[in-house]
């Protein structure tokens, strides 16, 4: 299907803007317009790959099962104790990651796709990218519950390879991404929206967590699943290298659950969850242990900062300033609200 004309795309973005303005509760700050470009950090970075894993923690790197992730840690900035959200379930946590809000604000407390509930009302990372001059996003999920977050956007495409499909796995998802990139660069676009390579690629890789829950966290199956996930990440990074994007790309790695926890559990843990949070690539400090407090909620604002964009809305997401090579000047920095 041919992508819409530039005039039609502008109309679609305008309509989306009106829709968001009618749903956002907090007023937009006047200090900087939505999507304003800044020069404070991430110079030269045009693309971000966000890998979202499950059942992954610092202990997962022992034994050399994940050389790609280990290299990203060595060449980037990392904290192994980023705070998650409660309930520590797959759908609520992913909703917090993409909406920049705690569960009590975005309201998604269930852990399965329910069509009647509709899509999140609050603006997401993908909304902000849409409104920032049409920044494209491509999202590849590996669980049916995450359909709840697949809200239609003018510049966003979703593809899902869920657990209910026996052929679904990390390598199958990589195949989908490869096909997507081929179509996106064909000159005809992909689906209804994407005419070029995405500025943000989200890749959900939950296989290690599933193996740990099913076979045990010290099992051979869990270690093999870690290798499979790491191999899939390497394949995606190789694709970006093939398209000559590596020098303009930052990579973010986090997890919906740590080793030993099940984000699909009916009775989630009441303890405060902690997850890894890694950023590597263009414009990011190398070999740094992040000292400032980090939440998985901060992922969205950090992605925006990497892409030299700002947001000023009801988000509680805040960019993690410590990771950038240059001193980040944030003219309208606000204190984090207590959760």
C-alpha atoms as a PDB file:
ATOM      1  CA  UNK A   1       0.000   0.000   0.000  1.00  0.00           C
ATOM      2  CA  UNK A   2       1.479   3.404  -0.982  1.00  0.00           C
ATOM      3  CA  UNK A   3       2.161   5.854   1.844  1.00  0.00           C
ATOM      4  CA  UNK A   4      -0.177   8.829   2.119  1.00  0.00           C
ATOM      5  CA  UNK A   5       0.800  12.102   0.488  1.00  0.00           C
ATOM      6  CA  UNK A   6       2.612  14.723   2.531  1.00  0.00           C
ATOM      7  CA  UNK A   7      -0.571  16.834   2.637  1.00  0.00           C
ATOM      8  CA  UNK A   8      -2.625  13.922   3.947  1.00  0.00           C
ATOM      9  CA  UNK A   9       0.024  13.060   6.534  1.00  0.00           C
ATOM     10  CA  UNK A  10      -0.030  16.638   7.823  1.00  0.00           C
ATOM     11  CA  UNK A  11      -3.807  16.402   8.162  1.00  0.00           C
ATOM     12  CA  UNK A  12      -3.473  13.121  10.101  1.00  0.00           C
ATOM     13  CA  UNK A  13      -0.915  14.626  12.451  1.00  0.00           C
ATOM     14  CA  UNK A  14      -3.123  17.669  12.945  1.00  0.00           C
ATOM     15  CA  UNK A  15      -6.078  15.494  13.878  1.00  0.00           C
ATOM     16  CA  UNK A  16      -3.895  13.519  16.304  1.00  0.00           C
ATOM     17  CA  UNK A  17      -2.744  16.774  17.888  1.00  0.00           C
ATOM     18  CA  UNK A  18      -6.339  17.847  18.490  1.00  0.00           C
ATOM     19  CA  UNK A  19      -7.155  14.436  19.967  1.00  0.00           C
ATOM     20  CA  UNK A  20      -4.215  14.585  22.370  1.00  0.00           C
ATOM     21  CA  UNK A  21      -5.054  18.130  23.446  1.00  0.00           C
ATOM     22  CA  UNK A  22      -8.517  16.988  24.477  1.00  0.00           C
ATOM     23  CA  UNK A  23      -7.176  14.120  26.621  1.00  0.00           C
ATOM     24  CA  UNK A  24      -4.068  15.532  28.290  1.00  0.00           C
ATOM     25  CA  UNK A  25      -4.964  16.697  31.790  1.00  0.00           C
ATOM     26  CA  UNK A  26      -1.905  18.739  32.678  1.00  0.00           C
ATOM     27  CA  UNK A  27      -1.224  21.942  30.696  1.00  0.00           C
ATOM     28  CA  UNK A  28       1.707  22.049  28.298  1.00  0.00           C
ATOM     29  CA  UNK A  29       4.507  24.198  29.649  1.00  0.00           C
ATOM     30  CA  UNK A  30       5.301  27.278  27.622  1.00  0.00           C
ATOM     31  CA  UNK A  31       9.074  26.941  27.976  1.00  0.00           C
ATOM     32  CA  UNK A  32       9.436  24.767  24.878  1.00  0.00           C
ATOM     33  CA  UNK A  33       6.952  23.415  22.335  1.00  0.00           C
ATOM     34  CA  UNK A  34       6.299  19.707  21.983  1.00  0.00           C
ATOM     35  CA  UNK A  35       8.989  18.113  19.879  1.00  0.00           C
ATOM     36  CA  UNK A  36      11.376  21.068  20.015  1.00  0.00           C
ATOM     37  CA  UNK A  37      14.884  20.044  18.990  1.00  0.00           C
ATOM     38  CA  UNK A  38      17.735  20.719  21.396  1.00  0.00           C
ATOM     39  CA  UNK A  39      21.502  20.630  20.985  1.00  0.00           C
ATOM     40  CA  UNK A  40      22.358  19.570  24.533  1.00  0.00           C
ATOM     41  CA  UNK A  41      23.106  15.877  23.988  1.00  0.00           C
ATOM     42  CA  UNK A  42      23.097  12.917  21.653  1.00  0.00           C
ATOM     43  CA  UNK A  43      24.613  14.905  18.764  1.00  0.00           C
ATOM     44  CA  UNK A  44      24.457  12.941  15.534  1.00  0.00           C
ATOM     45  CA  UNK A  45      22.042  10.312  16.863  1.00  0.00           C
ATOM     46  CA  UNK A  46      19.092   9.773  14.531  1.00  0.00           C
ATOM     47  CA  UNK A  47      17.912   6.295  15.527  1.00  0.00           C
ATOM     48  CA  UNK A  48      17.268   4.383  18.743  1.00  0.00           C
ATOM     49  CA  UNK A  49      16.843   0.637  19.177  1.00  0.00           C
ATOM     50  CA  UNK A  50      14.998  -0.250  22.379  1.00  0.00           C
ATOM     51  CA  UNK A  51      15.384  -3.894  23.395  1.00  0.00           C
ATOM     52  CA  UNK A  52      12.906  -4.952  26.083  1.00  0.00           C
ATOM     53  CA  UNK A  53      13.825  -8.300  27.656  1.00  0.00           C
ATOM     54  CA  UNK A  54      12.269 -10.453  30.398  1.00  0.00           C
ATOM     55  CA  UNK A  55      13.859 -12.536  33.154  1.00  0.00           C
ATOM     56  CA  UNK A  56      17.150 -10.690  32.722  1.00  0.00           C
ATOM     57  CA  UNK A  57      19.558  -9.324  35.329  1.00  0.00           C
ATOM     58  CA  UNK A  58      23.242  -8.827  36.016  1.00  0.00           C
ATOM     59  CA  UNK A  59      23.601 -12.507  36.930  1.00  0.00           C
ATOM     60  CA  UNK A  60      22.427 -13.426  33.436  1.00  0.00           C
ATOM     61  CA  UNK A  61      25.774 -12.302  32.005  1.00  0.00           C
ATOM     62  CA  UNK A  62      27.763 -14.838  34.016  1.00  0.00           C
ATOM     63  CA  UNK A  63      29.238 -17.667  31.996  1.00  0.00           C
ATOM     64  CA  UNK A  64      29.428 -15.653  28.769  1.00  0.00           C
ATOM     65  CA  UNK A  65      25.889 -16.412  27.626  1.00  0.00           C
ATOM     66  CA  UNK A  66      25.270 -12.855  26.375  1.00  0.00           C
ATOM     67  CA  UNK A  67      28.416 -11.414  24.695  1.00  0.00           C
ATOM     68  CA  UNK A  68      26.444  -8.760  22.788  1.00  0.00           C
ATOM     69  CA  UNK A  69      24.837  -7.380  25.941  1.00  0.00           C
ATOM     70  CA  UNK A  70      28.170  -7.569  27.760  1.00  0.00           C
ATOM     71  CA  UNK A  71      29.739  -5.452  25.026  1.00  0.00           C
ATOM     72  CA  UNK A  72      26.932  -2.893  25.246  1.00  0.00           C
ATOM     73  CA  UNK A  73      27.526  -2.659  29.002  1.00  0.00           C
ATOM     74  CA  UNK A  74      31.280  -2.199  28.512  1.00  0.00           C
ATOM     75  CA  UNK A  75      30.833   0.451  25.832  1.00  0.00           C
ATOM     76  CA  UNK A  76      27.918   2.311  27.416  1.00  0.00           C
ATOM     77  CA  UNK A  77      26.267   3.392  30.664  1.00  0.00           C
ATOM     78  CA  UNK A  78      24.428   0.985  32.961  1.00  0.00           C
ATOM     79  CA  UNK A  79      22.536   0.588  36.191  1.00  0.00           C
ATOM     80  CA  UNK A  80      21.494  -2.830  37.447  1.00  0.00           C
ATOM     81  CA  UNK A  81      18.946  -1.426  39.861  1.00  0.00           C
ATOM     82  CA  UNK A  82      16.475   0.658  37.893  1.00  0.00           C
ATOM     83  CA  UNK A  83      13.116   0.651  39.650  1.00  0.00           C
ATOM     84  CA  UNK A  84      10.175  -1.079  38.010  1.00  0.00           C
ATOM     85  CA  UNK A  85       6.480  -0.571  38.763  1.00  0.00           C
ATOM     86  CA  UNK A  86       3.757  -2.286  40.780  1.00  0.00           C
ATOM     87  CA  UNK A  87       2.113  -4.569  39.916  1.00  0.00           C
ATOM     88  CA  UNK A  88       5.237  -6.101  38.393  1.00  0.00           C
ATOM     89  CA  UNK A  89       3.372  -7.584  35.431  1.00  0.00           C
ATOM     90  CA  UNK A  90       4.110  -7.557  31.712  1.00  0.00           C
ATOM     91  CA  UNK A  91       1.327  -5.307  30.424  1.00  0.00           C
ATOM     92  CA  UNK A  92       1.313  -2.714  33.251  1.00  0.00           C
ATOM     93  CA  UNK A  93       5.120  -2.442  33.152  1.00  0.00           C
ATOM     94  CA  UNK A  94       5.268  -2.038  29.384  1.00  0.00           C
ATOM     95  CA  UNK A  95       2.480   0.542  29.626  1.00  0.00           C
ATOM     96  CA  UNK A  96       4.572   2.527  32.115  1.00  0.00           C
ATOM     97  CA  UNK A  97       7.586   2.267  29.855  1.00  0.00           C
ATOM     98  CA  UNK A  98       5.777   3.701  26.807  1.00  0.00           C
ATOM     99  CA  UNK A  99       3.502   6.230  28.572  1.00  0.00           C
ATOM    100  CA  UNK A 100       6.071   7.572  31.027  1.00  0.00           C
ATOM    101  CA  UNK A 101       3.657   7.140  33.953  1.00  0.00           C
ATOM    102  CA  UNK A 102       3.263   4.907  37.006  1.00  0.00           C
ATOM    103  CA  UNK A 103       0.454   2.349  36.995  1.00  0.00           C
ATOM    104  CA  UNK A 104      -1.821   4.464  39.178  1.00  0.00           C
ATOM    105  CA  UNK A 105      -1.825   7.162  36.471  1.00  0.00           C
ATOM    106  CA  UNK A 106      -2.099   5.153  33.262  1.00  0.00           C
ATOM    107  CA  UNK A 107      -4.598   2.802  34.937  1.00  0.00           C
ATOM    108  CA  UNK A 108      -3.600  -0.465  33.226  1.00  0.00           C
ATOM    109  CA  UNK A 109      -3.531  -3.001  36.077  1.00  0.00           C
ATOM    110  CA  UNK A 110      -4.602  -6.133  34.191  1.00  0.00           C
ATOM    111  CA  UNK A 111      -2.234  -8.451  32.303  1.00  0.00           C
ATOM    112  CA  UNK A 112      -4.128  -9.574  29.210  1.00  0.00           C
ATOM    113  CA  UNK A 113      -5.493  -7.967  26.064  1.00  0.00           C
ATOM    114  CA  UNK A 114      -9.099  -6.917  26.470  1.00  0.00           C
ATOM    115  CA  UNK A 115     -10.531  -5.204  23.408  1.00  0.00           C
ATOM    116  CA  UNK A 116     -13.387  -3.507  25.299  1.00  0.00           C
ATOM    117  CA  UNK A 117     -10.952  -1.497  27.433  1.00  0.00           C
ATOM    118  CA  UNK A 118      -9.517   0.280  24.415  1.00  0.00           C
ATOM    119  CA  UNK A 119      -6.096   1.869  24.109  1.00  0.00           C
ATOM    120  CA  UNK A 120      -4.350   4.006  26.737  1.00  0.00           C
ATOM    121  CA  UNK A 121      -5.799   7.494  26.901  1.00  0.00           C
ATOM    122  CA  UNK A 122      -2.530   9.134  27.875  1.00  0.00           C
ATOM    123  CA  UNK A 123       0.032  10.246  25.260  1.00  0.00           C
ATOM    124  CA  UNK A 124       2.828   7.764  24.675  1.00  0.00           C
ATOM    125  CA  UNK A 125       6.402   7.952  23.466  1.00  0.00           C
ATOM    126  CA  UNK A 126       5.095   7.121  20.001  1.00  0.00           C
ATOM    127  CA  UNK A 127       2.626  10.029  20.128  1.00  0.00           C
ATOM    128  CA  UNK A 128       5.439  12.430  20.914  1.00  0.00           C
ATOM    129  CA  UNK A 129       7.549  11.113  18.067  1.00  0.00           C
ATOM    130  CA  UNK A 130       4.547  11.450  15.730  1.00  0.00           C
ATOM    131  CA  UNK A 131       4.186  15.101  16.674  1.00  0.00           C
ATOM    132  CA  UNK A 132       7.902  15.839  16.410  1.00  0.00           C
ATOM    133  CA  UNK A 133       7.934  16.256  12.671  1.00  0.00           C
ATOM    134  CA  UNK A 134       6.727  12.753  11.895  1.00  0.00           C
ATOM    135  CA  UNK A 135       9.398  10.635  13.587  1.00  0.00           C
ATOM    136  CA  UNK A 136       8.708   7.039  12.613  1.00  0.00           C
ATOM    137  CA  UNK A 137       8.392   4.148  15.084  1.00  0.00           C
ATOM    138  CA  UNK A 138       8.301   0.394  14.514  1.00  0.00           C
ATOM    139  CA  UNK A 139       7.263  -1.890  17.375  1.00  0.00           C
ATOM    140  CA  UNK A 140       7.685  -5.665  17.454  1.00  0.00           C
ATOM    141  CA  UNK A 141       5.976  -7.343  20.418  1.00  0.00           C
ATOM    142  CA  UNK A 142       6.125 -11.005  21.442  1.00  0.00           C
ATOM    143  CA  UNK A 143       3.071 -11.302  23.666  1.00  0.00           C
ATOM    144  CA  UNK A 144      -0.634 -10.986  22.834  1.00  0.00           C
ATOM    145  CA  UNK A 145      -1.349  -8.902  25.944  1.00  0.00           C
ATOM    146  CA  UNK A 146       0.678  -6.046  24.453  1.00  0.00           C
ATOM    147  CA  UNK A 147      -1.927  -5.548  21.729  1.00  0.00           C
ATOM    148  CA  UNK A 148      -3.522  -3.317  24.388  1.00  0.00           C
ATOM    149  CA  UNK A 149      -0.760  -0.800  23.647  1.00  0.00           C
ATOM    150  CA  UNK A 150      -0.901  -0.994  19.845  1.00  0.00           C
ATOM    151  CA  UNK A 151      -2.762   2.286  19.440  1.00  0.00           C
ATOM    152  CA  UNK A 152      -2.993   3.411  15.772  1.00  0.00           C
ATOM    153  CA  UNK A 153      -0.610   6.278  14.992  1.00  0.00           C
ATOM    154  CA  UNK A 154       0.093   8.074  11.690  1.00  0.00           C
ATOM    155  CA  UNK A 155       3.814   7.274  11.869  1.00  0.00           C
ATOM    156  CA  UNK A 156       3.830   4.003  13.815  1.00  0.00           C
ATOM    157  CA  UNK A 157       3.635   0.381  12.702  1.00  0.00           C
ATOM    158  CA  UNK A 158       3.164  -2.622  14.996  1.00  0.00           C
ATOM    159  CA  UNK A 159       3.819  -6.282  14.365  1.00  0.00           C
ATOM    160  CA  UNK A 160       3.174  -9.059  16.848  1.00  0.00           C
ATOM    161  CA  UNK A 161       4.551 -12.585  17.075  1.00  0.00           C
ATOM    162  CA  UNK A 162       2.806 -13.929  20.153  1.00  0.00           C
ATOM    163  CA  UNK A 163       3.329 -16.874  22.471  1.00  0.00           C
ATOM    164  CA  UNK A 164       0.110 -18.484  21.241  1.00  0.00           C
ATOM    165  CA  UNK A 165       1.766 -19.072  17.869  1.00  0.00           C
ATOM    166  CA  UNK A 166       4.085 -22.079  18.174  1.00  0.00           C
ATOM    167  CA  UNK A 167       6.371 -20.888  15.390  1.00  0.00           C
ATOM    168  CA  UNK A 168       6.996 -17.599  17.172  1.00  0.00           C
ATOM    169  CA  UNK A 169      10.457 -17.004  18.597  1.00  0.00           C
ATOM    170  CA  UNK A 170      13.260 -14.461  18.656  1.00  0.00           C
ATOM    171  CA  UNK A 171      14.642 -15.504  15.280  1.00  0.00           C
ATOM    172  CA  UNK A 172      11.187 -15.325  13.713  1.00  0.00           C
ATOM    173  CA  UNK A 173      10.858 -11.790  15.070  1.00  0.00           C
ATOM    174  CA  UNK A 174      14.245 -10.920  13.535  1.00  0.00           C
ATOM    175  CA  UNK A 175      12.946 -12.191  10.197  1.00  0.00           C
ATOM    176  CA  UNK A 176       9.938  -9.899  10.531  1.00  0.00           C
ATOM    177  CA  UNK A 177      12.233  -6.950  11.281  1.00  0.00           C
ATOM    178  CA  UNK A 178      14.419  -7.767   8.290  1.00  0.00           C
ATOM    179  CA  UNK A 179      11.376  -7.890   6.010  1.00  0.00           C
ATOM    180  CA  UNK A 180      10.101  -4.668   7.526  1.00  0.00           C
ATOM    181  CA  UNK A 181      13.355  -2.812   6.853  1.00  0.00           C
ATOM    182  CA  UNK A 182      13.452  -4.104   3.288  1.00  0.00           C
ATOM    183  CA  UNK A 183       9.925  -2.835   2.637  1.00  0.00           C
ATOM    184  CA  UNK A 184      10.531   0.445   4.453  1.00  0.00           C
ATOM    185  CA  UNK A 185      13.465   1.208   2.126  1.00  0.00           C
ATOM    186  CA  UNK A 186      11.773  -0.016  -1.046  1.00  0.00           C
ATOM    187  CA  UNK A 187      10.390   3.408  -1.938  1.00  0.00           C
ATOM    188  CA  UNK A 188       6.821   2.259  -1.368  1.00  0.00           C
ATOM    189  CA  UNK A 189       6.805   2.368   2.433  1.00  0.00           C
ATOM    190  CA  UNK A 190       5.550  -0.253   4.825  1.00  0.00           C
ATOM    191  CA  UNK A 191       1.921  -0.730   5.795  1.00  0.00           C
ATOM    192  CA  UNK A 192      -0.032   2.499   6.000  1.00  0.00           C
ATOM    193  CA  UNK A 193       2.647   4.786   7.338  1.00  0.00           C
ATOM    194  CA  UNK A 194       6.369   4.125   7.227  1.00  0.00           C
ATOM    195  CA  UNK A 195       8.209   5.372   4.116  1.00  0.00           C
ATOM    196  CA  UNK A 196      11.727   5.065   5.572  1.00  0.00           C
ATOM    197  CA  UNK A 197      13.814   3.463   8.305  1.00  0.00           C
ATOM    198  CA  UNK A 198      12.316   4.104  11.751  1.00  0.00           C
ATOM    199  CA  UNK A 199      13.754   6.596  14.204  1.00  0.00           C
ATOM    200  CA  UNK A 200      12.691   4.245  17.009  1.00  0.00           C
ATOM    201  CA  UNK A 201      12.686   0.463  16.774  1.00  0.00           C
ATOM    202  CA  UNK A 202      11.209  -1.395  19.782  1.00  0.00           C
ATOM    203  CA  UNK A 203      12.020  -5.116  20.024  1.00  0.00           C
ATOM    204  CA  UNK A 204      10.410  -7.247  22.744  1.00  0.00           C
ATOM    205  CA  UNK A 205      12.402 -10.435  23.518  1.00  0.00           C
ATOM    206  CA  UNK A 206      10.822 -12.373  26.427  1.00  0.00           C
ATOM    207  CA  UNK A 207      12.185 -15.881  25.799  1.00  0.00           C
ATOM    208  CA  UNK A 208      14.673 -15.991  28.677  1.00  0.00           C
ATOM    209  CA  UNK A 209      11.969 -15.151  31.206  1.00  0.00           C
ATOM    210  CA  UNK A 210       9.646 -17.778  29.806  1.00  0.00           C
ATOM    211  CA  UNK A 211      12.365 -20.416  29.956  1.00  0.00           C
ATOM    212  CA  UNK A 212      13.208 -19.490  33.537  1.00  0.00           C
ATOM    213  CA  UNK A 213       9.587 -19.753  34.645  1.00  0.00           C
ATOM    214  CA  UNK A 214       9.034 -23.066  32.854  1.00  0.00           C
ATOM    215  CA  UNK A 215      12.352 -24.859  33.431  1.00  0.00           C
ATOM    216  CA  UNK A 216      13.982 -23.060  36.348  1.00  0.00           C
ATOM    217  CA  UNK A 217      16.351 -20.126  36.627  1.00  0.00           C
ATOM    218  CA  UNK A 218      19.465 -22.288  36.873  1.00  0.00           C
ATOM    219  CA  UNK A 219      18.437 -24.640  34.081  1.00  0.00           C
ATOM    220  CA  UNK A 220      20.180 -25.369  30.809  1.00  0.00           C
ATOM    221  CA  UNK A 221      17.056 -24.145  29.015  1.00  0.00           C
ATOM    222  CA  UNK A 222      17.321 -20.730  30.673  1.00  0.00           C
ATOM    223  CA  UNK A 223      20.978 -20.351  29.678  1.00  0.00           C
ATOM    224  CA  UNK A 224      20.162 -21.404  26.125  1.00  0.00           C
ATOM    225  CA  UNK A 225      17.318 -18.882  25.983  1.00  0.00           C
ATOM    226  CA  UNK A 226      19.734 -16.134  27.052  1.00  0.00           C
ATOM    227  CA  UNK A 227      21.995 -17.093  24.148  1.00  0.00           C
ATOM    228  CA  UNK A 228      19.025 -17.061  21.775  1.00  0.00           C
ATOM    229  CA  UNK A 229      17.995 -13.572  22.901  1.00  0.00           C
ATOM    230  CA  UNK A 230      21.562 -12.298  22.627  1.00  0.00           C
ATOM    231  CA  UNK A 231      21.856 -13.763  19.130  1.00  0.00           C
ATOM    232  CA  UNK A 232      18.629 -12.032  18.084  1.00  0.00           C
ATOM    233  CA  UNK A 233      19.956  -8.715  19.367  1.00  0.00           C
ATOM    234  CA  UNK A 234      23.153  -9.241  17.385  1.00  0.00           C
ATOM    235  CA  UNK A 235      21.103  -9.899  14.239  1.00  0.00           C
ATOM    236  CA  UNK A 236      19.152  -6.658  14.668  1.00  0.00           C
ATOM    237  CA  UNK A 237      22.349  -4.675  15.255  1.00  0.00           C
ATOM    238  CA  UNK A 238      23.869  -6.289  12.155  1.00  0.00           C
ATOM    239  CA  UNK A 239      20.849  -5.144  10.144  1.00  0.00           C
ATOM    240  CA  UNK A 240      21.444  -1.563  11.241  1.00  0.00           C
ATOM    241  CA  UNK A 241      25.093  -1.940  10.287  1.00  0.00           C
ATOM    242  CA  UNK A 242      24.009  -3.287   6.895  1.00  0.00           C
ATOM    243  CA  UNK A 243      21.944  -0.128   6.365  1.00  0.00           C
ATOM    244  CA  UNK A 244      24.900   2.053   7.476  1.00  0.00           C
ATOM    245  CA  UNK A 245      23.069   3.294  10.567  1.00  0.00           C
ATOM    246  CA  UNK A 246      25.395   2.079  13.340  1.00  0.00           C
ATOM    247  CA  UNK A 247      27.236   5.393  13.644  1.00  0.00           C
ATOM    248  CA  UNK A 248      23.948   7.262  14.124  1.00  0.00           C
ATOM    249  CA  UNK A 249      22.221   4.836  16.489  1.00  0.00           C
ATOM    250  CA  UNK A 250      21.919   4.494  20.257  1.00  0.00           C
ATOM    251  CA  UNK A 251      20.857   1.216  21.866  1.00  0.00           C
ATOM    252  CA  UNK A 252      18.749   0.989  25.018  1.00  0.00           C
ATOM    253  CA  UNK A 253      18.308  -2.323  26.844  1.00  0.00           C
ATOM    254  CA  UNK A 254      15.962  -2.872  29.763  1.00  0.00           C
ATOM    255  CA  UNK A 255      13.657  -5.592  31.075  1.00  0.00           C
ATOM    256  CA  UNK A 256      10.073  -6.020  32.189  1.00  0.00           C
ATOM    257  CA  UNK A 257      11.281  -8.438  34.885  1.00  0.00           C
ATOM    258  CA  UNK A 258      14.531  -9.506  36.483  1.00  0.00           C
ATOM    259  CA  UNK A 259      15.925 -12.995  36.820  1.00  0.00           C
ATOM    260  CA  UNK A 260      13.700 -15.070  39.078  1.00  0.00           C
ATOM    261  CA  UNK A 261      10.494 -13.102  38.537  1.00  0.00           C
ATOM    262  CA  UNK A 262       7.489 -13.865  36.346  1.00  0.00           C
ATOM    263  CA  UNK A 263       5.757 -10.880  34.664  1.00  0.00           C
ATOM    264  CA  UNK A 264       2.909 -13.158  33.640  1.00  0.00           C
ATOM    265  CA  UNK A 265       2.107 -14.337  37.172  1.00  0.00           C
ATOM    266  CA  UNK A 266      -1.467 -14.125  38.428  1.00  0.00           C
ATOM    267  CA  UNK A 267      -0.217 -13.053  41.852  1.00  0.00           C
ATOM    268  CA  UNK A 268       2.723 -10.679  41.263  1.00  0.00           C
ATOM    269  CA  UNK A 269       5.325 -10.026  43.921  1.00  0.00           C
ATOM    270  CA  UNK A 270       4.629  -7.152  46.296  1.00  0.00           C
ATOM    271  CA  UNK A 271       8.325  -6.303  46.567  1.00  0.00           C
ATOM    272  CA  UNK A 272       9.744  -3.298  44.751  1.00  0.00           C
ATOM    273  CA  UNK A 273      11.070  -4.744  41.475  1.00  0.00           C
ATOM    274  CA  UNK A 274      14.458  -3.759  40.065  1.00  0.00           C
ATOM    275  CA  UNK A 275      15.579  -4.233  36.462  1.00  0.00           C
ATOM    276  CA  UNK A 276      18.697  -3.523  34.372  1.00  0.00           C
ATOM    277  CA  UNK A 277      18.857  -0.350  32.299  1.00  0.00           C
ATOM    278  CA  UNK A 278      21.632  -0.013  29.718  1.00  0.00           C
ATOM    279  CA  UNK A 279      22.326   2.665  27.094  1.00  0.00           C
ATOM    280  CA  UNK A 280      25.144   2.476  24.561  1.00  0.00           C
ATOM    281  CA  UNK A 281      26.081   4.042  21.252  1.00  0.00           C
ATOM    282  CA  UNK A 282      26.445   7.458  19.682  1.00  0.00           C
ATOM    283  CA  UNK A 283      26.637  10.294  22.206  1.00  0.00           C
ATOM    284  CA  UNK A 284      26.601   8.006  25.283  1.00  0.00           C
ATOM    285  CA  UNK A 285      29.320   7.837  27.958  1.00  0.00           C
ATOM    286  CA  UNK A 286      31.386   4.662  27.831  1.00  0.00           C
ATOM    287  CA  UNK A 287      32.053   2.289  30.703  1.00  0.00           C
ATOM    288  CA  UNK A 288      29.944   4.210  33.209  1.00  0.00           C
ATOM    289  CA  UNK A 289      27.962   2.968  36.168  1.00  0.00           C
ATOM    290  CA  UNK A 290      24.980   5.321  36.439  1.00  0.00           C
ATOM    291  CA  UNK A 291      24.832   6.881  39.897  1.00  0.00           C
ATOM    292  CA  UNK A 292      21.575   8.804  39.752  1.00  0.00           C
ATOM    293  CA  UNK A 293      18.270   7.035  40.510  1.00  0.00           C
ATOM    294  CA  UNK A 294      16.699   5.528  37.393  1.00  0.00           C
ATOM    295  CA  UNK A 295      13.204   4.185  36.797  1.00  0.00           C
ATOM    296  CA  UNK A 296      11.963   2.188  33.847  1.00  0.00           C
ATOM    297  CA  UNK A 297       9.489   5.069  33.505  1.00  0.00           C
ATOM    298  CA  UNK A 298      12.423   7.301  32.495  1.00  0.00           C
ATOM    299  CA  UNK A 299      13.011   5.315  29.306  1.00  0.00           C
ATOM    300  CA  UNK A 300      10.646   7.386  27.152  1.00  0.00           C
ATOM    301  CA  UNK A 301      12.055  10.802  28.066  1.00  0.00           C
ATOM    302  CA  UNK A 302      15.598   9.487  27.655  1.00  0.00           C
ATOM    303  CA  UNK A 303      14.808   8.234  24.149  1.00  0.00           C
ATOM    304  CA  UNK A 304      13.398  11.677  23.327  1.00  0.00           C
ATOM    305  CA  UNK A 305      16.545  13.320  24.686  1.00  0.00           C
ATOM    306  CA  UNK A 306      18.787  11.024  22.648  1.00  0.00           C
ATOM    307  CA  UNK A 307      16.873  12.105  19.540  1.00  0.00           C
ATOM    308  CA  UNK A 308      17.294  15.778  20.582  1.00  0.00           C
ATOM    309  CA  UNK A 309      13.607  16.250  21.372  1.00  0.00           C
ATOM    310  CA  UNK A 310      11.754  17.547  24.435  1.00  0.00           C
ATOM    311  CA  UNK A 311       8.379  16.905  26.004  1.00  0.00           C
ATOM    312  CA  UNK A 312       6.504  19.065  28.506  1.00  0.00           C
ATOM    313  CA  UNK A 313       3.306  17.353  29.578  1.00  0.00           C
ATOM    314  CA  UNK A 314       1.896  15.195  32.339  1.00  0.00           C
ATOM    315  CA  UNK A 315       4.672  12.642  31.890  1.00  0.00           C
ATOM    316  CA  UNK A 316       6.582  11.614  34.995  1.00  0.00           C
ATOM    317  CA  UNK A 317       9.332  10.331  32.727  1.00  0.00           C
ATOM    318  CA  UNK A 318      12.606  12.252  33.098  1.00  0.00           C
ATOM    319  CA  UNK A 319      15.679  11.934  30.904  1.00  0.00           C
ATOM    320  CA  UNK A 320      18.657  10.289  32.630  1.00  0.00           C
ATOM    321  CA  UNK A 321      21.119  13.136  32.140  1.00  0.00           C
ATOM    322  CA  UNK A 322      24.196  11.297  33.470  1.00  0.00           C
ATOM    323  CA  UNK A 323      24.521   9.087  30.409  1.00  0.00           C
ATOM    324  CA  UNK A 324      25.328  11.793  27.871  1.00  0.00           C
ATOM    325  CA  UNK A 325      28.867  12.634  26.800  1.00  0.00           C
ATOM    326  CA  UNK A 326      28.279  16.376  26.898  1.00  0.00           C
ATOM    327  CA  UNK A 327      26.895  18.286  29.858  1.00  0.00           C
ATOM    328  CA  UNK A 328      23.151  18.237  29.366  1.00  0.00           C
ATOM    329  CA  UNK A 329      21.507  21.609  29.779  1.00  0.00           C
ATOM    330  CA  UNK A 330      17.899  21.188  30.740  1.00  0.00           C
ATOM    331  CA  UNK A 331      16.359  24.684  30.923  1.00  0.00           C
ATOM    332  CA  UNK A 332      13.047  23.543  32.333  1.00  0.00           C
ATOM    333  CA  UNK A 333      14.104  20.645  34.549  1.00  0.00           C
ATOM    334  CA  UNK A 334      11.484  19.708  37.110  1.00  0.00           C
ATOM    335  CA  UNK A 335      11.853  17.668  40.301  1.00  0.00           C
ATOM    336  CA  UNK A 336      10.587  14.098  40.137  1.00  0.00           C
ATOM    337  CA  UNK A 337       7.257  13.560  41.818  1.00  0.00           C
ATOM    338  CA  UNK A 338       7.005  10.994  44.559  1.00  0.00           C
ATOM    339  CA  UNK A 339       5.354   7.751  43.440  1.00  0.00           C
END
